[in-house]
Amino acid sequence: MTPKQAVLELLDRLPEDCTLEEIQYRLYLLQAVERGRQDVLEGRTLSHEDFVRELKARRLRGAK
């Protein structure tokens, strides 16, 4: 599906009386999900264990 097709499908699902802010928010979510999918496809992910380890390390560095 092309980005234009995804946007048109999104717009078709929204109620007729939705606000511009709602449309912008939904577009933001669509873009964020697409970026996440691309990250997964390109191997830019962390396991849960690695994430927890990194979070703890950042907390320790910030506590000094």
PDB file of N, CA and C in Angstrom:
ATOM      1  N   MET A   1       0.852  -1.175   0.000  1.00  0.00           N
ATOM      2  CA  MET A   1       0.000   0.000   0.000  1.00  0.00           C
ATOM      3  C   MET A   1       0.900   1.240   0.000  1.00  0.00           C
ATOM      4  N   THR A   2       0.592   2.177  -0.852  1.00  0.00           N
ATOM      5  CA  THR A   2       1.372   3.412  -0.903  1.00  0.00           C
ATOM      6  C   THR A   2       0.958   4.329   0.245  1.00  0.00           C
ATOM      7  N   PRO A   3       1.811   5.294   0.591  1.00  0.00           N
ATOM      8  CA  PRO A   3       1.414   6.242   1.636  1.00  0.00           C
ATOM      9  C   PRO A   3       0.102   6.962   1.305  1.00  0.00           C
ATOM     10  N   LYS A   4      -0.077   7.326   0.054  1.00  0.00           N
ATOM     11  CA  LYS A   4      -1.314   8.012  -0.334  1.00  0.00           C
ATOM     12  C   LYS A   4      -2.525   7.103  -0.121  1.00  0.00           C
ATOM     13  N   GLN A   5      -2.394   5.849  -0.488  1.00  0.00           N
ATOM     14  CA  GLN A   5      -3.492   4.903  -0.287  1.00  0.00           C
ATOM     15  C   GLN A   5      -3.797   4.731   1.197  1.00  0.00           C
ATOM     16  N   ALA A   6      -2.753   4.674   2.017  1.00  0.00           N
ATOM     17  CA  ALA A   6      -2.948   4.528   3.461  1.00  0.00           C
ATOM     18  C   ALA A   6      -3.683   5.736   4.031  1.00  0.00           C
ATOM     19  N   VAL A   7      -3.324   6.929   3.571  1.00  0.00           N
ATOM     20  CA  VAL A   7      -3.986   8.149   4.049  1.00  0.00           C
ATOM     21  C   VAL A   7      -5.439   8.175   3.597  1.00  0.00           C
ATOM     22  N   LEU A   8      -5.689   7.825   2.351  1.00  0.00           N
ATOM     23  CA  LEU A   8      -7.068   7.817   1.859  1.00  0.00           C
ATOM     24  C   LEU A   8      -7.922   6.814   2.628  1.00  0.00           C
ATOM     25  N   GLU A   9      -7.355   5.651   2.925  1.00  0.00           N
ATOM     26  CA  GLU A   9      -8.084   4.650   3.714  1.00  0.00           C
ATOM     27  C   GLU A   9      -8.368   5.179   5.118  1.00  0.00           C
ATOM     28  N   LEU A  10      -7.378   5.831   5.703  1.00  0.00           N
ATOM     29  CA  LEU A  10      -7.554   6.435   7.024  1.00  0.00           C
ATOM     30  C   LEU A  10      -8.683   7.461   6.997  1.00  0.00           C
ATOM     31  N   LEU A  11      -8.668   8.335   6.013  1.00  0.00           N
ATOM     32  CA  LEU A  11      -9.697   9.371   5.915  1.00  0.00           C
ATOM     33  C   LEU A  11     -11.087   8.767   5.720  1.00  0.00           C
ATOM     34  N   ASP A  12     -11.158   7.692   4.963  1.00  0.00           N
ATOM     35  CA  ASP A  12     -12.451   7.034   4.744  1.00  0.00           C
ATOM     36  C   ASP A  12     -13.032   6.464   6.034  1.00  0.00           C
ATOM     37  N   ARG A  13     -12.165   6.075   6.977  1.00  0.00           N
ATOM     38  CA  ARG A  13     -12.636   5.476   8.234  1.00  0.00           C
ATOM     39  C   ARG A  13     -13.033   6.513   9.274  1.00  0.00           C
ATOM     40  N   LEU A  14     -12.615   7.759   9.088  1.00  0.00           N
ATOM     41  CA  LEU A  14     -12.920   8.798  10.075  1.00  0.00           C
ATOM     42  C   LEU A  14     -14.346   9.308   9.906  1.00  0.00           C
ATOM     43  N   PRO A  15     -14.959   9.740  10.997  1.00  0.00           N
ATOM     44  CA  PRO A  15     -16.304  10.313  10.889  1.00  0.00           C
ATOM     45  C   PRO A  15     -16.264  11.640  10.133  1.00  0.00           C
ATOM     46  N   GLU A  16     -17.368  11.986   9.532  1.00  0.00           N
ATOM     47  CA  GLU A  16     -17.443  13.221   8.738  1.00  0.00           C
ATOM     48  C   GLU A  16     -17.192  14.469   9.570  1.00  0.00           C
ATOM     49  N   ASP A  17     -17.510  14.425  10.849  1.00  0.00           N
ATOM     50  CA  ASP A  17     -17.382  15.623  11.683  1.00  0.00           C
ATOM     51  C   ASP A  17     -16.078  15.667  12.488  1.00  0.00           C
ATOM     52  N   CYS A  18     -15.074  14.889  12.095  1.00  0.00           N
ATOM     53  CA  CYS A  18     -13.818  14.913  12.855  1.00  0.00           C
ATOM     54  C   CYS A  18     -13.090  16.237  12.609  1.00  0.00           C
ATOM     55  N   THR A  19     -12.273  16.605  13.564  1.00  0.00           N
ATOM     56  CA  THR A  19     -11.559  17.882  13.490  1.00  0.00           C
ATOM     57  C   THR A  19     -10.237  17.714  12.754  1.00  0.00           C
ATOM     58  N   LEU A  20      -9.659  18.843  12.361  1.00  0.00           N
ATOM     59  CA  LEU A  20      -8.333  18.808  11.749  1.00  0.00           C
ATOM     60  C   LEU A  20      -7.302  18.248  12.720  1.00  0.00           C
ATOM     61  N   GLU A  21      -7.468  18.577  13.997  1.00  0.00           N
ATOM     62  CA  GLU A  21      -6.552  18.062  15.004  1.00  0.00           C
ATOM     63  C   GLU A  21      -6.614  16.537  15.072  1.00  0.00           C
ATOM     64  N   GLU A  22      -7.812  15.980  14.974  1.00  0.00           N
ATOM     65  CA  GLU A  22      -7.969  14.523  14.985  1.00  0.00           C
ATOM     66  C   GLU A  22      -7.303  13.909  13.755  1.00  0.00           C
ATOM     67  N   ILE A  23      -7.474  14.540  12.608  1.00  0.00           N
ATOM     68  CA  ILE A  23      -6.840  14.044  11.383  1.00  0.00           C
ATOM     69  C   ILE A  23      -5.319  14.085  11.529  1.00  0.00           C
ATOM     70  N   GLN A  24      -4.795  15.194  12.044  1.00  0.00           N
ATOM     71  CA  GLN A  24      -3.349  15.318  12.237  1.00  0.00           C
ATOM     72  C   GLN A  24      -2.828  14.250  13.190  1.00  0.00           C
ATOM     73  N   TYR A  25      -3.555  14.016  14.272  1.00  0.00           N
ATOM     74  CA  TYR A  25      -3.140  13.011  15.247  1.00  0.00           C
ATOM     75  C   TYR A  25      -3.124  11.623  14.615  1.00  0.00           C
ATOM     76  N   ARG A  26      -4.150  11.300  13.861  1.00  0.00           N
ATOM     77  CA  ARG A  26      -4.220   9.987  13.217  1.00  0.00           C
ATOM     78  C   ARG A  26      -3.101   9.824  12.188  1.00  0.00           C
ATOM     79  N   LEU A  27      -2.775  10.902  11.464  1.00  0.00           N
ATOM     80  CA  LEU A  27      -1.661  10.843  10.515  1.00  0.00           C
ATOM     81  C   LEU A  27      -0.336  10.636  11.245  1.00  0.00           C
ATOM     82  N   TYR A  28      -0.186  11.312  12.382  1.00  0.00           N
ATOM     83  CA  TYR A  28       1.012  11.133  13.203  1.00  0.00           C
ATOM     84  C   TYR A  28       1.148   9.673  13.638  1.00  0.00           C
ATOM     85  N   LEU A  29       0.052   9.082  14.105  1.00  0.00           N
ATOM     86  CA  LEU A  29       0.081   7.676  14.527  1.00  0.00           C
ATOM     87  C   LEU A  29       0.420   6.751  13.363  1.00  0.00           C
ATOM     88  N   LEU A  30      -0.171   7.019  12.214  1.00  0.00           N
ATOM     89  CA  LEU A  30       0.097   6.212  11.024  1.00  0.00           C
ATOM     90  C   LEU A  30       1.584   6.265  10.674  1.00  0.00           C
ATOM     91  N   GLN A  31       2.159   7.462  10.726  1.00  0.00           N
ATOM     92  CA  GLN A  31       3.576   7.629  10.429  1.00  0.00           C
ATOM     93  C   GLN A  31       4.450   6.930  11.474  1.00  0.00           C
ATOM     94  N   ALA A  32       4.096   7.043  12.738  1.00  0.00           N
ATOM     95  CA  ALA A  32       4.877   6.414  13.803  1.00  0.00           C
ATOM     96  C   ALA A  32       4.865   4.892  13.672  1.00  0.00           C
ATOM     97  N   VAL A  33       3.721   4.329  13.359  1.00  0.00           N
ATOM     98  CA  VAL A  33       3.624   2.876  13.185  1.00  0.00           C
ATOM     99  C   VAL A  33       4.460   2.443  11.985  1.00  0.00           C
ATOM    100  N   GLU A  34       4.392   3.198  10.910  1.00  0.00           N
ATOM    101  CA  GLU A  34       5.172   2.852   9.721  1.00  0.00           C
ATOM    102  C   GLU A  34       6.671   2.922  10.008  1.00  0.00           C
ATOM    103  N   ARG A  35       7.096   3.925  10.750  1.00  0.00           N
ATOM    104  CA  ARG A  35       8.514   4.015  11.123  1.00  0.00           C
ATOM    105  C   ARG A  35       8.922   2.821  11.980  1.00  0.00           C
ATOM    106  N   GLY A  36       8.061   2.425  12.896  1.00  0.00           N
ATOM    107  CA  GLY A  36       8.344   1.261  13.732  1.00  0.00           C
ATOM    108  C   GLY A  36       8.459  -0.013  12.918  1.00  0.00           C
ATOM    109  N   ARG A  37       7.575  -0.184  11.971  1.00  0.00           N
ATOM    110  CA  ARG A  37       7.644  -1.364  11.100  1.00  0.00           C
ATOM    111  C   ARG A  37       8.950  -1.376  10.310  1.00  0.00           C
ATOM    112  N   GLN A  38       9.329  -0.210   9.810  1.00  0.00           N
ATOM    113  CA  GLN A  38      10.571  -0.110   9.048  1.00  0.00           C
ATOM    114  C   GLN A  38      11.775  -0.426   9.938  1.00  0.00           C
ATOM    115  N   ASP A  39      11.747   0.056  11.166  1.00  0.00           N
ATOM    116  CA  ASP A  39      12.828  -0.249  12.110  1.00  0.00           C
ATOM    117  C   ASP A  39      12.953  -1.752  12.328  1.00  0.00           C
ATOM    118  N   VAL A  40      11.833  -2.425  12.483  1.00  0.00           N
ATOM    119  CA  VAL A  40      11.849  -3.879  12.686  1.00  0.00           C
ATOM    120  C   VAL A  40      12.430  -4.570  11.459  1.00  0.00           C
ATOM    121  N   LEU A  41      11.994  -4.164  10.277  1.00  0.00           N
ATOM    122  CA  LEU A  41      12.495  -4.777   9.047  1.00  0.00           C
ATOM    123  C   LEU A  41      13.997  -4.591   8.888  1.00  0.00           C
ATOM    124  N   GLU A  42      14.513  -3.461   9.371  1.00  0.00           N
ATOM    125  CA  GLU A  42      15.935  -3.152   9.221  1.00  0.00           C
ATOM    126  C   GLU A  42      16.757  -3.557  10.445  1.00  0.00           C
ATOM    127  N   GLY A  43      16.127  -4.250  11.389  1.00  0.00           N
ATOM    128  CA  GLY A  43      16.850  -4.787  12.530  1.00  0.00           C
ATOM    129  C   GLY A  43      17.177  -3.780  13.615  1.00  0.00           C
ATOM    130  N   ARG A  44      16.535  -2.628  13.610  1.00  0.00           N
ATOM    131  CA  ARG A  44      16.789  -1.609  14.637  1.00  0.00           C
ATOM    132  C   ARG A  44      15.822  -1.821  15.800  1.00  0.00           C
ATOM    133  N   THR A  45      16.093  -2.883  16.564  1.00  0.00           N
ATOM    134  CA  THR A  45      15.238  -3.217  17.701  1.00  0.00           C
ATOM    135  C   THR A  45      16.106  -3.591  18.897  1.00  0.00           C
ATOM    136  N   LEU A  46      15.500  -3.600  20.057  1.00  0.00           N
ATOM    137  CA  LEU A  46      16.147  -4.058  21.287  1.00  0.00           C
ATOM    138  C   LEU A  46      15.271  -5.131  21.912  1.00  0.00           C
ATOM    139  N   SER A  47      15.918  -6.134  22.482  1.00  0.00           N
ATOM    140  CA  SER A  47      15.148  -7.109  23.253  1.00  0.00           C
ATOM    141  C   SER A  47      14.698  -6.429  24.544  1.00  0.00           C
ATOM    142  N   HIS A  48      13.731  -7.021  25.204  1.00  0.00           N
ATOM    143  CA  HIS A  48      13.246  -6.462  26.468  1.00  0.00           C
ATOM    144  C   HIS A  48      14.383  -6.397  27.483  1.00  0.00           C
ATOM    145  N   GLU A  49      15.170  -7.448  27.533  1.00  0.00           N
ATOM    146  CA  GLU A  49      16.284  -7.500  28.486  1.00  0.00           C
ATOM    147  C   GLU A  49      17.300  -6.387  28.216  1.00  0.00           C
ATOM    148  N   ASP A  50      17.635  -6.174  26.936  1.00  0.00           N
ATOM    149  CA  ASP A  50      18.580  -5.104  26.590  1.00  0.00           C
ATOM    150  C   ASP A  50      18.011  -3.733  26.936  1.00  0.00           C
ATOM    151  N   PHE A  51      16.719  -3.552  26.706  1.00  0.00           N
ATOM    152  CA  PHE A  51      16.084  -2.276  27.029  1.00  0.00           C
ATOM    153  C   PHE A  51      16.150  -1.999  28.528  1.00  0.00           C
ATOM    154  N   VAL A  52      15.817  -2.998  29.334  1.00  0.00           N
ATOM    155  CA  VAL A  52      15.845  -2.833  30.793  1.00  0.00           C
ATOM    156  C   VAL A  52      17.265  -2.529  31.254  1.00  0.00           C
ATOM    157  N   ARG A  53      18.244  -3.237  30.707  1.00  0.00           N
ATOM    158  CA  ARG A  53      19.644  -3.011  31.069  1.00  0.00           C
ATOM    159  C   ARG A  53      20.066  -1.576  30.709  1.00  0.00           C
ATOM    160  N   GLU A  54      19.688  -1.114  29.521  1.00  0.00           N
ATOM    161  CA  GLU A  54      20.028   0.247  29.098  1.00  0.00           C
ATOM    162  C   GLU A  54      19.327   1.291  29.963  1.00  0.00           C
ATOM    163  N   LEU A  55      18.079   1.056  30.303  1.00  0.00           N
ATOM    164  CA  LEU A  55      17.340   1.980  31.156  1.00  0.00           C
ATOM    165  C   LEU A  55      17.991   2.095  32.535  1.00  0.00           C
ATOM    166  N   LYS A  56      18.374   0.971  33.102  1.00  0.00           N
ATOM    167  CA  LYS A  56      19.043   0.990  34.409  1.00  0.00           C
ATOM    168  C   LYS A  56      20.368   1.739  34.330  1.00  0.00           C
ATOM    169  N   ALA A  57      21.120   1.530  33.263  1.00  0.00           N
ATOM    170  CA  ALA A  57      22.407   2.215  33.099  1.00  0.00           C
ATOM    171  C   ALA A  57      22.205   3.722  32.985  1.00  0.00           C
ATOM    172  N   ARG A  58      21.181   4.145  32.269  1.00  0.00           N
ATOM    173  CA  ARG A  58      20.905   5.584  32.142  1.00  0.00           C
ATOM    174  C   ARG A  58      20.488   6.184  33.480  1.00  0.00           C
ATOM    175  N   ARG A  59      19.711   5.446  34.245  1.00  0.00           N
ATOM    176  CA  ARG A  59      19.302   5.941  35.564  1.00  0.00           C
ATOM    177  C   ARG A  59      20.510   6.115  36.472  1.00  0.00           C
ATOM    178  N   LEU A  60      21.424   5.167  36.424  1.00  0.00           N
ATOM    179  CA  LEU A  60      22.625   5.253  37.255  1.00  0.00           C
ATOM    180  C   LEU A  60      23.492   6.439  36.842  1.00  0.00           C
ATOM    181  N   ARG A  61      23.637   6.666  35.552  1.00  0.00           N
ATOM    182  CA  ARG A  61      24.427   7.810  35.082  1.00  0.00           C
ATOM    183  C   ARG A  61      23.764   9.121  35.460  1.00  0.00           C
ATOM    184  N   GLY A  62      22.444   9.164  35.431  1.00  0.00           N
ATOM    185  CA  GLY A  62      21.712  10.388  35.768  1.00  0.00           C
ATOM    186  C   GLY A  62      21.678  10.678  37.255  1.00  0.00           C
ATOM    187  N   ALA A  63      21.893   9.672  38.080  1.00  0.00           N
ATOM    188  CA  ALA A  63      21.815   9.839  39.536  1.00  0.00           C
ATOM    189  C   ALA A  63      23.075  10.461  40.119  1.00  0.00           C
ATOM    190  N   LYS A  64      24.129  10.532  39.344  1.00  0.00           N
ATOM    191  CA  LYS A  64      25.403  11.067  39.860  1.00  0.00           C
ATOM    192  C   LYS A  64      25.410  12.562  39.927  1.00  0.00           C
TER     193      LYS A  64
END
